[in-house]
Amino acid sequence: LIGSPSYLINSTPNINERLKEKLLLGADGSNVEKGLEAFRLAFTEPLVSDSNQGFLRSDAFLLVVILSNENDQSEAATKDYINFLENLKSPTSTRKRSWMMHFIGVTGAADENCKTFGDYKDVGARYMELVHLSEGVSSTICTANLKNVLNHVEKTLLTLLTEISLSRIPIVESLRVSFNRILIPNDPTNGWTYNSQKNSIFFHGSFIPKSQTRIEIYFDPKDPK
């Protein structure tokens, strides 16, 4: 972000107003879109030890949100930026990827009917490569209100961060999940779902667990030994 401080945290005074000041800066900079290169520079020297010192936390999940009406024009290949993020945020014992990218821009969907400022639009294919790999969300910028888009980003992140990996392969029909000893529904909109590829439970909608929620998962294992 332009100015000082270069990033905001929960305790920043008047954080909402400060964020608005830093985002509403006009379009006087370069007209060459380099969103991928921008985040790489933010996490490398000298910025990572200077104005951005303290931003990147080793124990935190890294979420990158790109907002643009153009495709990325950074010099390096998308695989180079993927490798950079993979090395920057190592996988954990329960999560194969500790970063995620979301894209708000021109997606190229058949029903998008996109008309951006100045009537310029360019599908963000390079950004969406990283979105797809990291299981993020690509949403259209061609909407009068981005609130729903950002809510979708938030729910996707919370669903990911509340994932619970199971220690054994369950008989799926036997799975039961409870919050504070009350059973919750098996529902992909408001409830829990089981992902067989990850052998994990995910939570959705109003059933994304809050802090101090006691979660219990019951199942019969496929292999009883």
C-alpha atoms as a PDB file:
ATOM      1  CA  LEU A   1       0.000   0.000   0.000  1.00  0.00           C
ATOM      2  CA  ILE A   2       1.131   3.542  -0.709  1.00  0.00           C
ATOM      3  CA  GLY A   3       2.144   5.670   2.284  1.00  0.00           C
ATOM      4  CA  SER A   4       2.943   4.777   5.864  1.00  0.00           C
ATOM      5  CA  PRO A   5       2.150   2.325   7.307  1.00  0.00           C
ATOM      6  CA  SER A   6       2.427   0.107   4.249  1.00  0.00           C
ATOM      7  CA  TYR A   7      -0.015  -2.426   5.659  1.00  0.00           C
ATOM      8  CA  LEU A   8      -2.873  -2.399   8.170  1.00  0.00           C
ATOM      9  CA  ILE A   9      -3.598  -4.651  11.149  1.00  0.00           C
ATOM     10  CA  ASN A  10      -6.618  -5.121  13.447  1.00  0.00           C
ATOM     11  CA  SER A  11      -5.310  -2.574  15.949  1.00  0.00           C
ATOM     12  CA  THR A  12      -4.686   0.177  13.356  1.00  0.00           C
ATOM     13  CA  PRO A  13      -6.709   3.234  14.495  1.00  0.00           C
ATOM     14  CA  ASN A  14      -9.672   4.075  12.216  1.00  0.00           C
ATOM     15  CA  ILE A  15      -8.798   1.056  10.092  1.00  0.00           C
ATOM     16  CA  ASN A  16     -11.826   1.348   7.773  1.00  0.00           C
ATOM     17  CA  GLU A  17     -11.054   4.960   6.873  1.00  0.00           C
ATOM     18  CA  ARG A  18      -7.342   4.238   6.502  1.00  0.00           C
ATOM     19  CA  LEU A  19      -8.081   1.391   4.103  1.00  0.00           C
ATOM     20  CA  LYS A  20     -10.353   3.609   2.004  1.00  0.00           C
ATOM     21  CA  GLU A  21      -7.625   6.257   1.801  1.00  0.00           C
ATOM     22  CA  LYS A  22      -5.116   3.713   0.537  1.00  0.00           C
ATOM     23  CA  LEU A  23      -7.427   2.087  -2.008  1.00  0.00           C
ATOM     24  CA  LEU A  24      -9.060   5.144  -3.596  1.00  0.00           C
ATOM     25  CA  LEU A  25      -5.950   6.526  -5.281  1.00  0.00           C
ATOM     26  CA  GLY A  26      -7.036   6.865  -8.913  1.00  0.00           C
ATOM     27  CA  ALA A  27      -5.273   5.446 -11.962  1.00  0.00           C
ATOM     28  CA  ASP A  28      -2.175   7.592 -12.416  1.00  0.00           C
ATOM     29  CA  GLY A  29       0.359   4.774 -12.222  1.00  0.00           C
ATOM     30  CA  SER A  30       1.615   2.373 -14.869  1.00  0.00           C
ATOM     31  CA  ASN A  31      -0.961   1.025 -17.315  1.00  0.00           C
ATOM     32  CA  VAL A  32       0.859  -2.331 -17.450  1.00  0.00           C
ATOM     33  CA  GLU A  33      -0.908  -4.754 -15.094  1.00  0.00           C
ATOM     34  CA  LYS A  34       1.586  -6.784 -13.024  1.00  0.00           C
ATOM     35  CA  GLY A  35      -0.407  -8.149 -10.126  1.00  0.00           C
ATOM     36  CA  LEU A  36       1.593 -11.381  -9.862  1.00  0.00           C
ATOM     37  CA  GLU A  37       4.925  -9.578  -9.876  1.00  0.00           C
ATOM     38  CA  ALA A  38       3.585  -7.079  -7.323  1.00  0.00           C
ATOM     39  CA  PHE A  39       2.969  -9.702  -4.645  1.00  0.00           C
ATOM     40  CA  ARG A  40       6.321 -11.357  -5.359  1.00  0.00           C
ATOM     41  CA  LEU A  41       8.096  -8.037  -4.808  1.00  0.00           C
ATOM     42  CA  ALA A  42       6.103  -7.457  -1.607  1.00  0.00           C
ATOM     43  CA  PHE A  43       7.492 -10.682  -0.121  1.00  0.00           C
ATOM     44  CA  THR A  44      11.131 -10.374  -1.232  1.00  0.00           C
ATOM     45  CA  GLU A  45      14.032  -8.102  -0.316  1.00  0.00           C
ATOM     46  CA  PRO A  46      14.276  -5.243   0.293  1.00  0.00           C
ATOM     47  CA  LEU A  47      10.549  -4.766   1.038  1.00  0.00           C
ATOM     48  CA  VAL A  48      10.126  -7.867   3.207  1.00  0.00           C
ATOM     49  CA  SER A  49      12.762  -6.549   5.649  1.00  0.00           C
ATOM     50  CA  ASP A  50      11.894  -2.863   5.251  1.00  0.00           C
ATOM     51  CA  SER A  51       8.418  -1.350   4.884  1.00  0.00           C
ATOM     52  CA  ASN A  52       6.681  -4.776   4.848  1.00  0.00           C
ATOM     53  CA  GLN A  53       8.578  -6.184   7.829  1.00  0.00           C
ATOM     54  CA  GLY A  54       6.260  -8.161  10.084  1.00  0.00           C
ATOM     55  CA  PHE A  55       3.484  -8.587   7.550  1.00  0.00           C
ATOM     56  CA  LEU A  56       4.323 -12.165   6.544  1.00  0.00           C
ATOM     57  CA  ARG A  57       3.785 -14.464   9.534  1.00  0.00           C
ATOM     58  CA  SER A  58       5.123 -18.009   9.499  1.00  0.00           C
ATOM     59  CA  ASP A  59       2.039 -19.413  11.264  1.00  0.00           C
ATOM     60  CA  ALA A  60      -0.577 -17.586   9.159  1.00  0.00           C
ATOM     61  CA  PHE A  61      -2.451 -18.691   6.068  1.00  0.00           C
ATOM     62  CA  LEU A  62      -1.668 -16.353   3.147  1.00  0.00           C
ATOM     63  CA  LEU A  63      -4.670 -15.077   1.193  1.00  0.00           C
ATOM     64  CA  VAL A  64      -4.057 -13.045  -1.991  1.00  0.00           C
ATOM     65  CA  VAL A  65      -6.981 -11.148  -3.560  1.00  0.00           C
ATOM     66  CA  ILE A  66      -6.509  -9.652  -7.032  1.00  0.00           C
ATOM     67  CA  LEU A  67      -8.937  -6.962  -8.238  1.00  0.00           C
ATOM     68  CA  SER A  68      -8.446  -6.023 -11.907  1.00  0.00           C
ATOM     69  CA  ASN A  69     -10.225  -5.583 -15.231  1.00  0.00           C
ATOM     70  CA  GLU A  70      -7.183  -6.856 -17.153  1.00  0.00           C
ATOM     71  CA  ASN A  71      -5.049  -9.971 -17.453  1.00  0.00           C
ATOM     72  CA  ASP A  72      -1.652 -10.075 -15.735  1.00  0.00           C
ATOM     73  CA  GLN A  73       1.327  -8.895 -17.815  1.00  0.00           C
ATOM     74  CA  SER A  74       4.186  -9.849 -15.488  1.00  0.00           C
ATOM     75  CA  GLU A  75       7.289 -11.119 -17.269  1.00  0.00           C
ATOM     76  CA  ALA A  76       7.657 -14.499 -15.525  1.00  0.00           C
ATOM     77  CA  ALA A  77       5.566 -17.577 -16.282  1.00  0.00           C
ATOM     78  CA  THR A  78       2.641 -18.360 -13.974  1.00  0.00           C
ATOM     79  CA  LYS A  79       4.417 -21.533 -12.790  1.00  0.00           C
ATOM     80  CA  ASP A  80       7.227 -19.340 -11.442  1.00  0.00           C
ATOM     81  CA  TYR A  81       4.769 -17.441  -9.240  1.00  0.00           C
ATOM     82  CA  ILE A  82       3.169 -20.705  -8.144  1.00  0.00           C
ATOM     83  CA  ASN A  83       6.580 -22.083  -7.155  1.00  0.00           C
ATOM     84  CA  PHE A  84       7.345 -18.830  -5.339  1.00  0.00           C
ATOM     85  CA  LEU A  85       4.187 -19.119  -3.224  1.00  0.00           C
ATOM     86  CA  GLU A  86       4.759 -22.823  -2.572  1.00  0.00           C
ATOM     87  CA  ASN A  87       8.240 -22.058  -1.238  1.00  0.00           C
ATOM     88  CA  LEU A  88       7.058 -18.985   0.658  1.00  0.00           C
ATOM     89  CA  LYS A  89       4.280 -20.812   2.526  1.00  0.00           C
ATOM     90  CA  SER A  90       5.164 -24.423   3.242  1.00  0.00           C
ATOM     91  CA  PRO A  91       2.439 -27.074   3.587  1.00  0.00           C
ATOM     92  CA  THR A  92       1.485 -28.294   7.039  1.00  0.00           C
ATOM     93  CA  SER A  93       0.694 -31.751   8.379  1.00  0.00           C
ATOM     94  CA  THR A  94      -3.018 -31.157   7.715  1.00  0.00           C
ATOM     95  CA  ARG A  95      -2.903 -28.786   4.737  1.00  0.00           C
ATOM     96  CA  LYS A  96      -1.080 -29.379   1.457  1.00  0.00           C
ATOM     97  CA  ARG A  97      -1.163 -25.667   0.607  1.00  0.00           C
ATOM     98  CA  SER A  98      -0.856 -22.695   2.992  1.00  0.00           C
ATOM     99  CA  TRP A  99      -1.845 -20.029   0.470  1.00  0.00           C
ATOM    100  CA  MET A 100      -4.855 -19.234  -1.679  1.00  0.00           C
ATOM    101  CA  MET A 101      -5.585 -16.750  -4.444  1.00  0.00           C
ATOM    102  CA  HIS A 102      -8.945 -15.157  -5.243  1.00  0.00           C
ATOM    103  CA  PHE A 103      -9.625 -13.128  -8.379  1.00  0.00           C
ATOM    104  CA  ILE A 104     -12.226 -10.390  -8.877  1.00  0.00           C
ATOM    105  CA  GLY A 105     -12.096  -9.419 -12.539  1.00  0.00           C
ATOM    106  CA  VAL A 106     -13.169 -10.441 -16.023  1.00  0.00           C
ATOM    107  CA  THR A 107     -13.708 -14.200 -15.907  1.00  0.00           C
ATOM    108  CA  GLY A 108     -14.831 -14.835 -19.489  1.00  0.00           C
ATOM    109  CA  ALA A 109     -18.021 -16.642 -18.445  1.00  0.00           C
ATOM    110  CA  ALA A 110     -20.615 -16.854 -21.208  1.00  0.00           C
ATOM    111  CA  ASP A 111     -23.230 -14.928 -19.197  1.00  0.00           C
ATOM    112  CA  GLU A 112     -20.849 -12.340 -17.761  1.00  0.00           C
ATOM    113  CA  ASN A 113     -21.994  -9.400 -19.946  1.00  0.00           C
ATOM    114  CA  CYS A 114     -19.014  -7.441 -18.679  1.00  0.00           C
ATOM    115  CA  LYS A 115     -18.673  -3.685 -19.102  1.00  0.00           C
ATOM    116  CA  THR A 116     -15.951  -2.053 -17.004  1.00  0.00           C
ATOM    117  CA  PHE A 117     -14.752   1.527 -16.554  1.00  0.00           C
ATOM    118  CA  GLY A 118     -13.819   2.959 -19.944  1.00  0.00           C
ATOM    119  CA  ASP A 119     -15.407  -0.143 -21.492  1.00  0.00           C
ATOM    120  CA  TYR A 120     -12.043  -1.932 -21.259  1.00  0.00           C
ATOM    121  CA  LYS A 121     -12.055  -5.582 -20.342  1.00  0.00           C
ATOM    122  CA  ASP A 122      -9.542  -8.401 -20.573  1.00  0.00           C
ATOM    123  CA  VAL A 123     -10.021 -11.930 -19.179  1.00  0.00           C
ATOM    124  CA  GLY A 124      -7.654 -12.557 -16.246  1.00  0.00           C
ATOM    125  CA  ALA A 125      -6.548 -16.002 -17.419  1.00  0.00           C
ATOM    126  CA  ARG A 126      -3.132 -15.906 -15.696  1.00  0.00           C
ATOM    127  CA  TYR A 127      -4.632 -14.977 -12.344  1.00  0.00           C
ATOM    128  CA  MET A 128      -7.241 -17.699 -12.667  1.00  0.00           C
ATOM    129  CA  GLU A 129      -4.537 -20.338 -13.115  1.00  0.00           C
ATOM    130  CA  LEU A 130      -3.395 -19.667  -9.545  1.00  0.00           C
ATOM    131  CA  VAL A 131      -7.000 -19.448  -8.342  1.00  0.00           C
ATOM    132  CA  HIS A 132      -7.804 -22.869  -9.795  1.00  0.00           C
ATOM    133  CA  LEU A 133      -4.684 -24.493  -8.368  1.00  0.00           C
ATOM    134  CA  SER A 134      -5.256 -23.108  -4.870  1.00  0.00           C
ATOM    135  CA  GLU A 135      -9.029 -23.828  -4.937  1.00  0.00           C
ATOM    136  CA  GLY A 136      -9.872 -20.149  -4.570  1.00  0.00           C
ATOM    137  CA  VAL A 137     -12.747 -18.187  -6.091  1.00  0.00           C
ATOM    138  CA  SER A 138     -12.942 -16.317  -9.409  1.00  0.00           C
ATOM    139  CA  SER A 139     -15.747 -13.730  -9.415  1.00  0.00           C
ATOM    140  CA  THR A 140     -16.816 -11.129 -11.942  1.00  0.00           C
ATOM    141  CA  ILE A 141     -15.907  -7.482 -11.430  1.00  0.00           C
ATOM    142  CA  CYS A 142     -18.942  -6.511 -13.524  1.00  0.00           C
ATOM    143  CA  THR A 143     -21.350  -6.024 -10.653  1.00  0.00           C
ATOM    144  CA  ALA A 144     -22.626  -2.872  -8.998  1.00  0.00           C
ATOM    145  CA  ASN A 145     -21.844  -4.189  -5.518  1.00  0.00           C
ATOM    146  CA  LEU A 146     -18.806  -6.257  -4.620  1.00  0.00           C
ATOM    147  CA  LYS A 147     -20.062  -7.034  -1.102  1.00  0.00           C
ATOM    148  CA  ASN A 148     -21.467 -10.444  -2.082  1.00  0.00           C
ATOM    149  CA  VAL A 149     -18.241 -11.284  -3.900  1.00  0.00           C
ATOM    150  CA  LEU A 150     -16.151 -10.477  -0.831  1.00  0.00           C
ATOM    151  CA  ASN A 151     -18.544 -12.418   1.418  1.00  0.00           C
ATOM    152  CA  HIS A 152     -18.006 -15.428  -0.847  1.00  0.00           C
ATOM    153  CA  VAL A 153     -14.231 -15.017  -0.487  1.00  0.00           C
ATOM    154  CA  GLU A 154     -14.602 -14.856   3.298  1.00  0.00           C
ATOM    155  CA  LYS A 155     -16.789 -17.976   3.481  1.00  0.00           C
ATOM    156  CA  THR A 156     -14.394 -19.916   1.235  1.00  0.00           C
ATOM    157  CA  LEU A 157     -11.470 -19.018   3.485  1.00  0.00           C
ATOM    158  CA  LEU A 158     -13.311 -19.863   6.702  1.00  0.00           C
ATOM    159  CA  THR A 159     -14.430 -23.191   5.237  1.00  0.00           C
ATOM    160  CA  LEU A 160     -10.828 -24.030   4.419  1.00  0.00           C
ATOM    161  CA  LEU A 161      -9.418 -22.912   7.776  1.00  0.00           C
ATOM    162  CA  THR A 162     -11.949 -24.950   9.750  1.00  0.00           C
ATOM    163  CA  GLU A 163     -11.194 -28.170   7.870  1.00  0.00           C
ATOM    164  CA  ILE A 164     -10.784 -31.200  10.151  1.00  0.00           C
ATOM    165  CA  SER A 165      -8.723 -34.129   8.870  1.00  0.00           C
ATOM    166  CA  LEU A 166      -9.857 -37.576  10.004  1.00  0.00           C
ATOM    167  CA  SER A 167      -7.361 -40.056  11.390  1.00  0.00           C
ATOM    168  CA  ARG A 168      -8.992 -43.035   9.616  1.00  0.00           C
ATOM    169  CA  ILE A 169     -11.125 -43.678   6.525  1.00  0.00           C
ATOM    170  CA  PRO A 170     -14.794 -43.674   7.599  1.00  0.00           C
ATOM    171  CA  ILE A 171     -17.829 -45.546   6.402  1.00  0.00           C
ATOM    172  CA  VAL A 172     -19.409 -42.417   4.980  1.00  0.00           C
ATOM    173  CA  GLU A 173     -22.970 -43.345   5.930  1.00  0.00           C
ATOM    174  CA  SER A 174     -21.949 -43.589   9.586  1.00  0.00           C
ATOM    175  CA  LEU A 175     -20.562 -40.039   9.856  1.00  0.00           C
ATOM    176  CA  ARG A 176     -22.165 -37.752  12.435  1.00  0.00           C
ATOM    177  CA  VAL A 177     -20.952 -34.286  13.471  1.00  0.00           C
ATOM    178  CA  SER A 178     -21.991 -32.304  16.529  1.00  0.00           C
ATOM    179  CA  PHE A 179     -21.407 -28.802  17.912  1.00  0.00           C
ATOM    180  CA  ASN A 180     -21.546 -28.658  21.704  1.00  0.00           C
ATOM    181  CA  ARG A 181     -23.230 -32.107  21.682  1.00  0.00           C
ATOM    182  CA  ILE A 182     -25.949 -31.057  19.208  1.00  0.00           C
ATOM    183  CA  LEU A 183     -25.952 -32.843  15.831  1.00  0.00           C
ATOM    184  CA  ILE A 184     -25.605 -30.559  12.810  1.00  0.00           C
ATOM    185  CA  PRO A 185     -26.846 -31.324   9.276  1.00  0.00           C
ATOM    186  CA  ASN A 186     -24.873 -32.902   6.465  1.00  0.00           C
ATOM    187  CA  ASP A 187     -25.460 -30.039   4.020  1.00  0.00           C
ATOM    188  CA  PRO A 188     -23.117 -28.267   1.558  1.00  0.00           C
ATOM    189  CA  THR A 189     -24.867 -24.907   2.091  1.00  0.00           C
ATOM    190  CA  ASN A 190     -25.492 -24.868   5.842  1.00  0.00           C
ATOM    191  CA  GLY A 191     -23.824 -27.755   7.590  1.00  0.00           C
ATOM    192  CA  TRP A 192     -20.898 -30.110   7.032  1.00  0.00           C
ATOM    193  CA  THR A 193     -19.629 -32.192   4.127  1.00  0.00           C
ATOM    194  CA  TYR A 194     -17.096 -34.989   3.834  1.00  0.00           C
ATOM    195  CA  ASN A 195     -14.301 -34.769   1.234  1.00  0.00           C
ATOM    196  CA  SER A 196     -13.119 -38.285   0.409  1.00  0.00           C
ATOM    197  CA  GLN A 197     -10.025 -37.093  -1.498  1.00  0.00           C
ATOM    198  CA  LYS A 198      -8.737 -35.224   1.565  1.00  0.00           C
ATOM    199  CA  ASN A 199     -10.441 -37.473   4.137  1.00  0.00           C
ATOM    200  CA  SER A 200     -11.616 -34.296   5.821  1.00  0.00           C
ATOM    201  CA  ILE A 201     -14.736 -32.649   7.192  1.00  0.00           C
ATOM    202  CA  PHE A 202     -15.595 -29.140   5.935  1.00  0.00           C
ATOM    203  CA  PHE A 203     -18.118 -26.699   7.398  1.00  0.00           C
ATOM    204  CA  HIS A 204     -20.365 -24.309   5.473  1.00  0.00           C
ATOM    205  CA  GLY A 205     -22.661 -21.316   5.877  1.00  0.00           C
ATOM    206  CA  SER A 206     -23.984 -20.651   9.371  1.00  0.00           C
ATOM    207  CA  PHE A 207     -22.281 -23.793  10.651  1.00  0.00           C
ATOM    208  CA  ILE A 208     -18.714 -22.571  10.217  1.00  0.00           C
ATOM    209  CA  PRO A 209     -17.606 -23.109  13.835  1.00  0.00           C
ATOM    210  CA  LYS A 210     -16.897 -20.160  16.079  1.00  0.00           C
ATOM    211  CA  SER A 211     -14.118 -19.977  18.648  1.00  0.00           C
ATOM    212  CA  GLN A 212     -14.608 -22.296  21.659  1.00  0.00           C
ATOM    213  CA  THR A 213     -17.086 -24.535  19.779  1.00  0.00           C
ATOM    214  CA  ARG A 214     -16.789 -28.127  20.949  1.00  0.00           C
ATOM    215  CA  ILE A 215     -16.729 -30.267  17.796  1.00  0.00           C
ATOM    216  CA  GLU A 216     -17.225 -34.023  17.907  1.00  0.00           C
ATOM    217  CA  ILE A 217     -17.104 -36.321  14.866  1.00  0.00           C
ATOM    218  CA  TYR A 218     -18.418 -39.877  15.094  1.00  0.00           C
ATOM    219  CA  PHE A 219     -17.948 -42.618  12.507  1.00  0.00           C
ATOM    220  CA  ASP A 220     -17.327 -46.296  11.973  1.00  0.00           C
ATOM    221  CA  PRO A 221     -13.947 -46.839  10.304  1.00  0.00           C
ATOM    222  CA  LYS A 222     -13.762 -48.910   7.135  1.00  0.00           C
ATOM    223  CA  ASP A 223     -10.903 -50.873   8.647  1.00  0.00           C
ATOM    224  CA  PRO A 224     -11.839 -51.657  12.252  1.00  0.00           C
ATOM    225  CA  LYS A 225      -8.297 -52.808  13.134  1.00  0.00           C
END
